[in-house]
Amino acid sequence: MARTFTSKPGKTAKFYRSNPEAAAKHSKDETARNDTPKKKKYRADLQRRRRALKIDGKGKSTGDISHPSMKVESTKKNRARGGAQRK
């Protein structure tokens, strides 16, 4: 299935859309970074925790996960904890 693009991209998305060489380099760099044993172990650990919480592969929104406690919480609480406004 093809990826759908947003009609209002942010600065980074705009940059990569208008600079295909930079986008290719970024993709290559990210592929290499995500292929490291450390990242693979990190993703496997998150997957294990999601399975334990029984929220893996449900095909629906499950709210947000609080890190590092890995508790399911509402999106509102997760966003209220900081974001751009946190000092």
PDB file of N, CA and C in Angstrom:
ATOM      1  N   MET A   1       0.840  -1.173   0.000  1.00  0.00           N
ATOM      2  CA  MET A   1       0.000   0.000   0.000  1.00  0.00           C
ATOM      3  C   MET A   1       0.888   1.240   0.000  1.00  0.00           C
ATOM      4  N   ALA A   2       0.585   2.177  -0.842  1.00  0.00           N
ATOM      5  CA  ALA A   2       1.394   3.391  -0.965  1.00  0.00           C
ATOM      6  C   ALA A   2       1.149   4.313   0.223  1.00  0.00           C
ATOM      7  N   ARG A   3       2.207   5.010   0.599  1.00  0.00           N
ATOM      8  CA  ARG A   3       2.108   5.944   1.708  1.00  0.00           C
ATOM      9  C   ARG A   3       1.364   7.197   1.244  1.00  0.00           C
ATOM     10  N   THR A   4       0.498   7.727   2.113  1.00  0.00           N
ATOM     11  CA  THR A   4      -0.200   8.962   1.787  1.00  0.00           C
ATOM     12  C   THR A   4       0.538  10.119   2.452  1.00  0.00           C
ATOM     13  N   PHE A   5       0.652  11.220   1.748  1.00  0.00           N
ATOM     14  CA  PHE A   5       1.355  12.374   2.260  1.00  0.00           C
ATOM     15  C   PHE A   5       0.363  13.397   2.782  1.00  0.00           C
ATOM     16  N   THR A   6       0.744  14.088   3.833  1.00  0.00           N
ATOM     17  CA  THR A   6      -0.101  15.126   4.387  1.00  0.00           C
ATOM     18  C   THR A   6      -0.102  16.345   3.465  1.00  0.00           C
ATOM     19  N   SER A   7      -1.188  17.069   3.491  1.00  0.00           N
ATOM     20  CA  SER A   7      -1.276  18.259   2.643  1.00  0.00           C
ATOM     21  C   SER A   7      -0.578  19.456   3.280  1.00  0.00           C
ATOM     22  N   LYS A   8      -0.280  19.363   4.573  1.00  0.00           N
ATOM     23  CA  LYS A   8       0.397  20.449   5.282  1.00  0.00           C
ATOM     24  C   LYS A   8       1.657  19.907   5.968  1.00  0.00           C
ATOM     25  N   PRO A   9       2.707  19.641   5.197  1.00  0.00           N
ATOM     26  CA  PRO A   9       3.917  19.080   5.790  1.00  0.00           C
ATOM     27  C   PRO A   9       4.673  20.106   6.633  1.00  0.00           C
ATOM     28  N   GLY A  10       5.457  19.602   7.581  1.00  0.00           N
ATOM     29  CA  GLY A  10       6.307  20.460   8.402  1.00  0.00           C
ATOM     30  C   GLY A  10       7.562  20.848   7.644  1.00  0.00           C
ATOM     31  N   LYS A  11       8.447  21.569   8.320  1.00  0.00           N
ATOM     32  CA  LYS A  11       9.663  22.062   7.679  1.00  0.00           C
ATOM     33  C   LYS A  11      10.540  20.925   7.152  1.00  0.00           C
ATOM     34  N   THR A  12      10.714  19.895   7.963  1.00  0.00           N
ATOM     35  CA  THR A  12      11.584  18.792   7.562  1.00  0.00           C
ATOM     36  C   THR A  12      11.023  18.057   6.354  1.00  0.00           C
ATOM     37  N   ALA A  13       9.724  17.770   6.383  1.00  0.00           N
ATOM     38  CA  ALA A  13       9.096  17.077   5.253  1.00  0.00           C
ATOM     39  C   ALA A  13       9.182  17.907   3.979  1.00  0.00           C
ATOM     40  N   LYS A  14       8.980  19.208   4.103  1.00  0.00           N
ATOM     41  CA  LYS A  14       9.089  20.087   2.937  1.00  0.00           C
ATOM     42  C   LYS A  14      10.504  20.027   2.356  1.00  0.00           C
ATOM     43  N   PHE A  15      11.491  20.069   3.260  1.00  0.00           N
ATOM     44  CA  PHE A  15      12.884  20.035   2.819  1.00  0.00           C
ATOM     45  C   PHE A  15      13.179  18.751   2.049  1.00  0.00           C
ATOM     46  N   TYR A  16      12.819  17.609   2.614  1.00  0.00           N
ATOM     47  CA  TYR A  16      13.125  16.336   1.963  1.00  0.00           C
ATOM     48  C   TYR A  16      12.328  16.135   0.678  1.00  0.00           C
ATOM     49  N   ARG A  17      11.119  16.689   0.596  1.00  0.00           N
ATOM     50  CA  ARG A  17      10.334  16.585  -0.638  1.00  0.00           C
ATOM     51  C   ARG A  17      10.977  17.386  -1.766  1.00  0.00           C
ATOM     52  N   SER A  18      11.582  18.513  -1.410  1.00  0.00           N
ATOM     53  CA  SER A  18      12.175  19.357  -2.452  1.00  0.00           C
ATOM     54  C   SER A  18      13.648  19.048  -2.702  1.00  0.00           C
ATOM     55  N   ASN A  19      14.250  18.149  -1.908  1.00  0.00           N
ATOM     56  CA  ASN A  19      15.659  17.781  -2.074  1.00  0.00           C
ATOM     57  C   ASN A  19      15.796  16.254  -2.091  1.00  0.00           C
ATOM     58  N   PRO A  20      15.545  15.627  -3.245  1.00  0.00           N
ATOM     59  CA  PRO A  20      15.561  14.163  -3.302  1.00  0.00           C
ATOM     60  C   PRO A  20      16.914  13.540  -2.948  1.00  0.00           C
ATOM     61  N   GLU A  21      18.017  14.242  -3.249  1.00  0.00           N
ATOM     62  CA  GLU A  21      19.334  13.694  -2.900  1.00  0.00           C
ATOM     63  C   GLU A  21      19.488  13.634  -1.382  1.00  0.00           C
ATOM     64  N   ALA A  22      19.056  14.686  -0.704  1.00  0.00           N
ATOM     65  CA  ALA A  22      19.128  14.720   0.760  1.00  0.00           C
ATOM     66  C   ALA A  22      18.204  13.658   1.362  1.00  0.00           C
ATOM     67  N   ALA A  23      17.025  13.478   0.751  1.00  0.00           N
ATOM     68  CA  ALA A  23      16.085  12.475   1.242  1.00  0.00           C
ATOM     69  C   ALA A  23      16.672  11.073   1.106  1.00  0.00           C
ATOM     70  N   ALA A  24      17.367  10.809   0.001  1.00  0.00           N
ATOM     71  CA  ALA A  24      17.986   9.503  -0.210  1.00  0.00           C
ATOM     72  C   ALA A  24      19.094   9.268   0.818  1.00  0.00           C
ATOM     73  N   LYS A  25      19.896  10.306   1.083  1.00  0.00           N
ATOM     74  CA  LYS A  25      20.972  10.182   2.073  1.00  0.00           C
ATOM     75  C   LYS A  25      20.390   9.951   3.468  1.00  0.00           C
ATOM     76  N   HIS A  26      19.334  10.699   3.794  1.00  0.00           N
ATOM     77  CA  HIS A  26      18.691  10.549   5.093  1.00  0.00           C
ATOM     78  C   HIS A  26      18.138   9.133   5.267  1.00  0.00           C
ATOM     79  N   SER A  27      17.491   8.626   4.222  1.00  0.00           N
ATOM     80  CA  SER A  27      16.939   7.279   4.273  1.00  0.00           C
ATOM     81  C   SER A  27      18.043   6.239   4.467  1.00  0.00           C
ATOM     82  N   LYS A  28      19.144   6.419   3.756  1.00  0.00           N
ATOM     83  CA  LYS A  28      20.270   5.498   3.876  1.00  0.00           C
ATOM     84  C   LYS A  28      20.851   5.543   5.286  1.00  0.00           C
ATOM     85  N   ASP A  29      21.027   6.753   5.824  1.00  0.00           N
ATOM     86  CA  ASP A  29      21.569   6.908   7.171  1.00  0.00           C
ATOM     87  C   ASP A  29      20.658   6.275   8.220  1.00  0.00           C
ATOM     88  N   GLU A  30      19.347   6.519   8.092  1.00  0.00           N
ATOM     89  CA  GLU A  30      18.396   5.960   9.048  1.00  0.00           C
ATOM     90  C   GLU A  30      18.357   4.431   8.960  1.00  0.00           C
ATOM     91  N   THR A  31      18.453   3.899   7.754  1.00  0.00           N
ATOM     92  CA  THR A  31      18.468   2.452   7.578  1.00  0.00           C
ATOM     93  C   THR A  31      19.659   1.849   8.303  1.00  0.00           C
ATOM     94  N   ALA A  32      20.821   2.479   8.157  1.00  0.00           N
ATOM     95  CA  ALA A  32      22.030   1.992   8.834  1.00  0.00           C
ATOM     96  C   ALA A  32      21.883   2.105  10.347  1.00  0.00           C
ATOM     97  N   ARG A  33      21.324   3.210  10.817  1.00  0.00           N
ATOM     98  CA  ARG A  33      21.163   3.428  12.260  1.00  0.00           C
ATOM     99  C   ARG A  33      20.199   2.405  12.859  1.00  0.00           C
ATOM    100  N   ASN A  34      19.119   2.119  12.146  1.00  0.00           N
ATOM    101  CA  ASN A  34      18.120   1.187  12.668  1.00  0.00           C
ATOM    102  C   ASN A  34      18.539  -0.270  12.529  1.00  0.00           C
ATOM    103  N   ASP A  35      19.631  -0.515  11.821  1.00  0.00           N
ATOM    104  CA  ASP A  35      20.107  -1.879  11.621  1.00  0.00           C
ATOM    105  C   ASP A  35      21.149  -2.290  12.660  1.00  0.00           C
ATOM    106  N   THR A  36      21.442  -1.412  13.622  1.00  0.00           N
ATOM    107  CA  THR A  36      22.449  -1.733  14.627  1.00  0.00           C
ATOM    108  C   THR A  36      21.857  -2.705  15.654  1.00  0.00           C
ATOM    109  N   PRO A  37      22.702  -3.522  16.270  1.00  0.00           N
ATOM    110  CA  PRO A  37      22.211  -4.459  17.291  1.00  0.00           C
ATOM    111  C   PRO A  37      21.505  -3.750  18.452  1.00  0.00           C
ATOM    112  N   LYS A  38      21.989  -2.575  18.822  1.00  0.00           N
ATOM    113  CA  LYS A  38      21.381  -1.833  19.925  1.00  0.00           C
ATOM    114  C   LYS A  38      19.940  -1.457  19.607  1.00  0.00           C
ATOM    115  N   LYS A  39      19.695  -0.963  18.378  1.00  0.00           N
ATOM    116  CA  LYS A  39      18.347  -0.581  17.989  1.00  0.00           C
ATOM    117  C   LYS A  39      17.429  -1.792  17.852  1.00  0.00           C
ATOM    118  N   LYS A  40      17.975  -2.894  17.326  1.00  0.00           N
ATOM    119  CA  LYS A  40      17.170  -4.112  17.183  1.00  0.00           C
ATOM    120  C   LYS A  40      16.742  -4.622  18.560  1.00  0.00           C
ATOM    121  N   LYS A  41      17.672  -4.565  19.523  1.00  0.00           N
ATOM    122  CA  LYS A  41      17.370  -5.002  20.882  1.00  0.00           C
ATOM    123  C   LYS A  41      16.304  -4.092  21.505  1.00  0.00           C
ATOM    124  N   TYR A  42      16.427  -2.792  21.271  1.00  0.00           N
ATOM    125  CA  TYR A  42      15.465  -1.824  21.801  1.00  0.00           C
ATOM    126  C   TYR A  42      14.060  -2.090  21.251  1.00  0.00           C
ATOM    127  N   ARG A  43      13.955  -2.303  19.937  1.00  0.00           N
ATOM    128  CA  ARG A  43      12.647  -2.572  19.329  1.00  0.00           C
ATOM    129  C   ARG A  43      12.070  -3.895  19.822  1.00  0.00           C
ATOM    130  N   ALA A  44      12.922  -4.895  19.983  1.00  0.00           N
ATOM    131  CA  ALA A  44      12.456  -6.194  20.473  1.00  0.00           C
ATOM    132  C   ALA A  44      11.923  -6.066  21.901  1.00  0.00           C
ATOM    133  N   ASP A  45      12.599  -5.252  22.713  1.00  0.00           N
ATOM    134  CA  ASP A  45      12.162  -5.048  24.094  1.00  0.00           C
ATOM    135  C   ASP A  45      10.803  -4.351  24.124  1.00  0.00           C
ATOM    136  N   LEU A  46      10.618  -3.322  23.302  1.00  0.00           N
ATOM    137  CA  LEU A  46       9.330  -2.635  23.250  1.00  0.00           C
ATOM    138  C   LEU A  46       8.219  -3.581  22.783  1.00  0.00           C
ATOM    139  N   GLN A  47       8.540  -4.402  21.800  1.00  0.00           N
ATOM    140  CA  GLN A  47       7.552  -5.361  21.299  1.00  0.00           C
ATOM    141  C   GLN A  47       7.164  -6.361  22.380  1.00  0.00           C
ATOM    142  N   ARG A  48       8.145  -6.823  23.122  1.00  0.00           N
ATOM    143  CA  ARG A  48       7.893  -7.764  24.217  1.00  0.00           C
ATOM    144  C   ARG A  48       6.970  -7.132  25.253  1.00  0.00           C
ATOM    145  N   ARG A  49       7.240  -5.874  25.595  1.00  0.00           N
ATOM    146  CA  ARG A  49       6.411  -5.173  26.578  1.00  0.00           C
ATOM    147  C   ARG A  49       4.998  -4.948  26.056  1.00  0.00           C
ATOM    148  N   ARG A  50       4.868  -4.608  24.764  1.00  0.00           N
ATOM    149  CA  ARG A  50       3.537  -4.409  24.190  1.00  0.00           C
ATOM    150  C   ARG A  50       2.731  -5.712  24.195  1.00  0.00           C
ATOM    151  N   ARG A  51       3.416  -6.815  23.930  1.00  0.00           N
ATOM    152  CA  ARG A  51       2.739  -8.118  23.983  1.00  0.00           C
ATOM    153  C   ARG A  51       2.255  -8.407  25.400  1.00  0.00           C
ATOM    154  N   ALA A  52       3.088  -8.105  26.390  1.00  0.00           N
ATOM    155  CA  ALA A  52       2.727  -8.346  27.784  1.00  0.00           C
ATOM    156  C   ALA A  52       1.513  -7.505  28.198  1.00  0.00           C
ATOM    157  N   LEU A  53       1.384  -6.310  27.635  1.00  0.00           N
ATOM    158  CA  LEU A  53       0.243  -5.448  27.928  1.00  0.00           C
ATOM    159  C   LEU A  53      -0.982  -5.803  27.090  1.00  0.00           C
ATOM    160  N   LYS A  54      -0.810  -6.757  26.182  1.00  0.00           N
ATOM    161  CA  LYS A  54      -1.871  -7.222  25.294  1.00  0.00           C
ATOM    162  C   LYS A  54      -2.411  -6.100  24.407  1.00  0.00           C
ATOM    163  N   ILE A  55      -1.518  -5.228  23.944  1.00  0.00           N
ATOM    164  CA  ILE A  55      -1.927  -4.153  23.044  1.00  0.00           C
ATOM    165  C   ILE A  55      -1.229  -4.285  21.699  1.00  0.00           C
ATOM    166  N   ASP A  56      -0.497  -5.345  21.492  1.00  0.00           N
ATOM    167  CA  ASP A  56       0.241  -5.534  20.256  1.00  0.00           C
ATOM    168  C   ASP A  56      -0.663  -6.119  19.182  1.00  0.00           C
ATOM    169  N   GLY A  57      -0.619  -5.515  18.009  1.00  0.00           N
ATOM    170  CA  GLY A  57      -1.316  -6.079  16.861  1.00  0.00           C
ATOM    171  C   GLY A  57      -2.816  -6.014  16.934  1.00  0.00           C
ATOM    172  N   LYS A  58      -3.355  -5.063  17.663  1.00  0.00           N
ATOM    173  CA  LYS A  58      -4.805  -4.971  17.789  1.00  0.00           C
ATOM    174  C   LYS A  58      -5.440  -4.261  16.599  1.00  0.00           C
ATOM    175  N   GLY A  59      -4.646  -3.525  15.833  1.00  0.00           N
ATOM    176  CA  GLY A  59      -5.184  -2.862  14.659  1.00  0.00           C
ATOM    177  C   GLY A  59      -6.065  -1.676  14.984  1.00  0.00           C
ATOM    178  N   LYS A  60      -5.912  -1.130  16.176  1.00  0.00           N
ATOM    179  CA  LYS A  60      -6.688   0.039  16.556  1.00  0.00           C
ATOM    180  C   LYS A  60      -5.837   0.901  17.474  1.00  0.00           C
ATOM    181  N   SER A  61      -6.283   2.107  17.695  1.00  0.00           N
ATOM    182  CA  SER A  61      -5.547   3.009  18.572  1.00  0.00           C
ATOM    183  C   SER A  61      -5.678   2.524  20.006  1.00  0.00           C
ATOM    184  N   THR A  62      -4.560   2.457  20.695  1.00  0.00           N
ATOM    185  CA  THR A  62      -4.568   1.988  22.080  1.00  0.00           C
ATOM    186  C   THR A  62      -4.145   3.094  23.026  1.00  0.00           C
ATOM    187  N   GLY A  63      -4.291   4.349  22.596  1.00  0.00           N
ATOM    188  CA  GLY A  63      -3.847   5.448  23.429  1.00  0.00           C
ATOM    189  C   GLY A  63      -2.352   5.601  23.302  1.00  0.00           C
ATOM    190  N   ASP A  64      -1.721   5.999  24.373  1.00  0.00           N
ATOM    191  CA  ASP A  64      -0.277   6.182  24.368  1.00  0.00           C
ATOM    192  C   ASP A  64       0.347   5.352  25.464  1.00  0.00           C
ATOM    193  N   ILE A  65       1.630   5.114  25.310  1.00  0.00           N
ATOM    194  CA  ILE A  65       2.382   4.341  26.286  1.00  0.00           C
ATOM    195  C   ILE A  65       3.310   5.286  27.020  1.00  0.00           C
ATOM    196  N   SER A  66       3.244   5.259  28.340  1.00  0.00           N
ATOM    197  CA  SER A  66       4.126   6.079  29.156  1.00  0.00           C
ATOM    198  C   SER A  66       5.474   5.375  29.262  1.00  0.00           C
ATOM    199  N   HIS A  67       6.535   6.086  28.902  1.00  0.00           N
ATOM    200  CA  HIS A  67       7.877   5.516  29.017  1.00  0.00           C
ATOM    201  C   HIS A  67       8.534   6.078  30.256  1.00  0.00           C
ATOM    202  N   PRO A  68       9.320   5.372  31.016  1.00  0.00           N
ATOM    203  CA  PRO A  68       9.729   3.992  30.807  1.00  0.00           C
ATOM    204  C   PRO A  68       8.836   2.972  31.499  1.00  0.00           C
ATOM    205  N   SER A  69       7.753   3.437  32.167  1.00  0.00           N
ATOM    206  CA  SER A  69       6.924   2.497  32.921  1.00  0.00           C
ATOM    207  C   SER A  69       6.082   1.596  32.034  1.00  0.00           C
ATOM    208  N   MET A  70       5.903   1.980  30.756  1.00  0.00           N
ATOM    209  CA  MET A  70       5.131   1.192  29.788  1.00  0.00           C
ATOM    210  C   MET A  70       3.698   0.947  30.246  1.00  0.00           C
ATOM    211  N   LYS A  71       3.062   1.979  30.785  1.00  0.00           N
ATOM    212  CA  LYS A  71       1.662   1.876  31.159  1.00  0.00           C
ATOM    213  C   LYS A  71       0.827   2.571  30.088  1.00  0.00           C
ATOM    214  N   VAL A  72      -0.327   1.987  29.777  1.00  0.00           N
ATOM    215  CA  VAL A  72      -1.219   2.591  28.803  1.00  0.00           C
ATOM    216  C   VAL A  72      -1.892   3.783  29.463  1.00  0.00           C
ATOM    217  N   GLU A  73      -1.878   4.924  28.764  1.00  0.00           N
ATOM    218  CA  GLU A  73      -2.506   6.114  29.297  1.00  0.00           C
ATOM    219  C   GLU A  73      -3.193   6.859  28.158  1.00  0.00           C
ATOM    220  N   SER A  74      -4.011   7.814  28.508  1.00  0.00           N
ATOM    221  CA  SER A  74      -4.732   8.565  27.481  1.00  0.00           C
ATOM    222  C   SER A  74      -3.771   9.488  26.742  1.00  0.00           C
ATOM    223  N   THR A  75      -4.112   9.795  25.518  1.00  0.00           N
ATOM    224  CA  THR A  75      -3.313  10.713  24.720  1.00  0.00           C
ATOM    225  C   THR A  75      -3.270  12.083  25.387  1.00  0.00           C
ATOM    226  N   LYS A  76      -4.384  12.485  25.991  1.00  0.00           N
ATOM    227  CA  LYS A  76      -4.460  13.786  26.642  1.00  0.00           C
ATOM    228  C   LYS A  76      -3.438  13.898  27.774  1.00  0.00           C
ATOM    229  N   LYS A  77      -3.327  12.869  28.617  1.00  0.00           N
ATOM    230  CA  LYS A  77      -2.356  12.900  29.711  1.00  0.00           C
ATOM    231  C   LYS A  77      -0.936  12.921  29.183  1.00  0.00           C
ATOM    232  N   ASN A  78      -0.700  12.144  28.149  1.00  0.00           N
ATOM    233  CA  ASN A  78       0.639  12.075  27.581  1.00  0.00           C
ATOM    234  C   ASN A  78       1.051  13.449  27.050  1.00  0.00           C
ATOM    235  N   ARG A  79       0.157  14.109  26.346  1.00  0.00           N
ATOM    236  CA  ARG A  79       0.490  15.414  25.764  1.00  0.00           C
ATOM    237  C   ARG A  79       0.551  16.499  26.818  1.00  0.00           C
ATOM    238  N   ALA A  80      -0.230  16.357  27.876  1.00  0.00           N
ATOM    239  CA  ALA A  80      -0.263  17.388  28.909  1.00  0.00           C
ATOM    240  C   ALA A  80       1.034  17.417  29.717  1.00  0.00           C
ATOM    241  N   ARG A  81       1.815  16.365  29.626  1.00  0.00           N
ATOM    242  CA  ARG A  81       3.026  16.271  30.430  1.00  0.00           C
ATOM    243  C   ARG A  81       4.162  17.141  29.916  1.00  0.00           C
ATOM    244  N   GLY A  82       4.024  17.716  28.741  1.00  0.00           N
ATOM    245  CA  GLY A  82       5.156  18.515  28.271  1.00  0.00           C
ATOM    246  C   GLY A  82       4.973  19.022  26.869  1.00  0.00           C
ATOM    247  N   GLY A  83       5.764  18.482  25.970  1.00  0.00           N
ATOM    248  CA  GLY A  83       5.703  18.932  24.608  1.00  0.00           C
ATOM    249  C   GLY A  83       6.415  20.255  24.422  1.00  0.00           C
ATOM    250  N   ALA A  84       5.936  21.055  23.511  1.00  0.00           N
ATOM    251  CA  ALA A  84       6.579  22.319  23.173  1.00  0.00           C
ATOM    252  C   ALA A  84       6.510  23.323  24.319  1.00  0.00           C
ATOM    253  N   GLN A  85       5.509  23.209  25.176  1.00  0.00           N
ATOM    254  CA  GLN A  85       5.346  24.187  26.247  1.00  0.00           C
ATOM    255  C   GLN A  85       6.212  23.900  27.473  1.00  0.00           C
ATOM    256  N   ARG A  86       6.758  22.706  27.578  1.00  0.00           N
ATOM    257  CA  ARG A  86       7.545  22.359  28.766  1.00  0.00           C
ATOM    258  C   ARG A  86       8.835  23.154  28.772  1.00  0.00           C
ATOM    259  N   LYS A  87       9.167  23.692  29.912  1.00  0.00           N
ATOM    260  CA  LYS A  87      10.402  24.501  30.031  1.00  0.00           C
ATOM    261  C   LYS A  87      11.481  23.719  30.748  1.00  0.00           C
TER     262      LYS A  87
END
